[in-house]
Amino acid sequence: MSIEAPEVEYVTKTRVACDGGEGALGHPRVWLQIPPEVGWVECGYCDKKFILEDDAQPGH
C-alpha cells in the first residue's frame, strides 16, 4: 500500500486560500501567508504545498 504525495501548487501571490478542493469533502477555507524568504507554505488540514514562483508579487 502506497501513500499519495501531497498536492503541490505553484502560485504568484504570497497570500493564498485552501479549502481542500473537493467541495463537500474538502475542509474549511483557510488563508495562508507565504513568507517570501521561505518561498512556500503547507496547509495544516490537507498538507497541500503552495510554492512561490520566481516572478511572485507580494500581497493578495
C-alpha atoms as a PDB file:
ATOM      1  CA  MET A   1       0.000   0.000   0.000  1.00  0.00           C
ATOM      2  CA  SER A   2       1.466   3.360  -1.003  1.00  0.00           C
ATOM      3  CA  ILE A   3       0.714   6.808   0.370  1.00  0.00           C
ATOM      4  CA  GLU A   4      -0.170   9.505  -2.132  1.00  0.00           C
ATOM      5  CA  ALA A   5       2.116  12.558  -2.125  1.00  0.00           C
ATOM      6  CA  PRO A   6       0.505  15.855  -1.072  1.00  0.00           C
ATOM      7  CA  GLU A   7      -0.628  18.144  -3.880  1.00  0.00           C
ATOM      8  CA  VAL A   8       1.700  20.989  -4.923  1.00  0.00           C
ATOM      9  CA  GLU A   9       0.540  24.274  -6.468  1.00  0.00           C
ATOM     10  CA  TYR A  10       2.813  26.991  -7.846  1.00  0.00           C
ATOM     11  CA  VAL A  11       1.446  30.467  -7.149  1.00  0.00           C
ATOM     12  CA  THR A  12       2.339  34.090  -7.920  1.00  0.00           C
ATOM     13  CA  LYS A  13       0.931  35.689  -4.738  1.00  0.00           C
ATOM     14  CA  THR A  14       2.155  35.443  -1.152  1.00  0.00           C
ATOM     15  CA  ARG A  15      -1.406  35.101   0.210  1.00  0.00           C
ATOM     16  CA  VAL A  16      -3.349  32.005  -0.852  1.00  0.00           C
ATOM     17  CA  ALA A  17      -6.557  30.214   0.167  1.00  0.00           C
ATOM     18  CA  CYS A  18      -7.027  26.484   0.558  1.00  0.00           C
ATOM     19  CA  ASP A  19     -10.317  24.629   1.041  1.00  0.00           C
ATOM     20  CA  GLY A  20      -9.272  21.094   0.214  1.00  0.00           C
ATOM     21  CA  GLY A  21     -10.560  21.489  -3.330  1.00  0.00           C
ATOM     22  CA  GLU A  22     -13.123  18.695  -3.174  1.00  0.00           C
ATOM     23  CA  GLY A  23     -16.381  20.511  -2.471  1.00  0.00           C
ATOM     24  CA  ALA A  24     -18.202  18.966   0.489  1.00  0.00           C
ATOM     25  CA  LEU A  25     -15.312  16.543   1.016  1.00  0.00           C
ATOM     26  CA  GLY A  26     -12.793  19.368   1.460  1.00  0.00           C
ATOM     27  CA  HIS A  27     -12.095  21.340   4.633  1.00  0.00           C
ATOM     28  CA  PRO A  28     -12.881  24.846   5.941  1.00  0.00           C
ATOM     29  CA  ARG A  29     -11.269  27.567   3.812  1.00  0.00           C
ATOM     30  CA  VAL A  30      -8.082  28.873   5.362  1.00  0.00           C
ATOM     31  CA  TRP A  31      -5.909  31.763   4.227  1.00  0.00           C
ATOM     32  CA  LEU A  32      -2.178  31.133   4.237  1.00  0.00           C
ATOM     33  CA  GLN A  33       0.662  33.636   4.061  1.00  0.00           C
ATOM     34  CA  ILE A  34       3.834  32.540   2.257  1.00  0.00           C
ATOM     35  CA  PRO A  35       6.949  34.080   3.809  1.00  0.00           C
ATOM     36  CA  PRO A  36       8.966  35.391   0.817  1.00  0.00           C
ATOM     37  CA  GLU A  37      12.232  34.389   2.492  1.00  0.00           C
ATOM     38  CA  VAL A  38      10.991  30.762   2.737  1.00  0.00           C
ATOM     39  CA  GLY A  39       9.094  30.624  -0.580  1.00  0.00           C
ATOM     40  CA  TRP A  40       6.458  28.042   0.383  1.00  0.00           C
ATOM     41  CA  VAL A  41       3.765  27.121   2.909  1.00  0.00           C
ATOM     42  CA  GLU A  42       1.755  23.965   3.638  1.00  0.00           C
ATOM     43  CA  CYS A  43      -1.927  23.755   4.512  1.00  0.00           C
ATOM     44  CA  GLY A  44      -2.420  22.436   8.043  1.00  0.00           C
ATOM     45  CA  TYR A  45      -5.533  20.498   7.009  1.00  0.00           C
ATOM     46  CA  CYS A  46      -4.592  18.705   3.797  1.00  0.00           C
ATOM     47  CA  ASP A  47      -0.796  19.228   3.547  1.00  0.00           C
ATOM     48  CA  LYS A  48      -1.139  20.852   0.127  1.00  0.00           C
ATOM     49  CA  LYS A  49       2.055  22.787  -0.548  1.00  0.00           C
ATOM     50  CA  PHE A  50       1.960  26.251  -2.132  1.00  0.00           C
ATOM     51  CA  ILE A  51       5.253  27.317  -3.718  1.00  0.00           C
ATOM     52  CA  LEU A  52       6.009  30.863  -4.862  1.00  0.00           C
ATOM     53  CA  GLU A  53       7.063  31.198  -8.472  1.00  0.00           C
ATOM     54  CA  ASP A  54      10.132  33.303  -9.255  1.00  0.00           C
ATOM     55  CA  ASP A  55       8.016  36.234 -10.519  1.00  0.00           C
ATOM     56  CA  ALA A  56       5.711  36.282  -7.465  1.00  0.00           C
ATOM     57  CA  GLN A  57       4.115  39.535  -6.296  1.00  0.00           C
ATOM     58  CA  PRO A  58       3.646  40.469  -2.628  1.00  0.00           C
ATOM     59  CA  GLY A  59       0.135  40.746  -1.196  1.00  0.00           C
ATOM     60  CA  HIS A  60      -3.106  39.247  -2.412  1.00  0.00           C
END
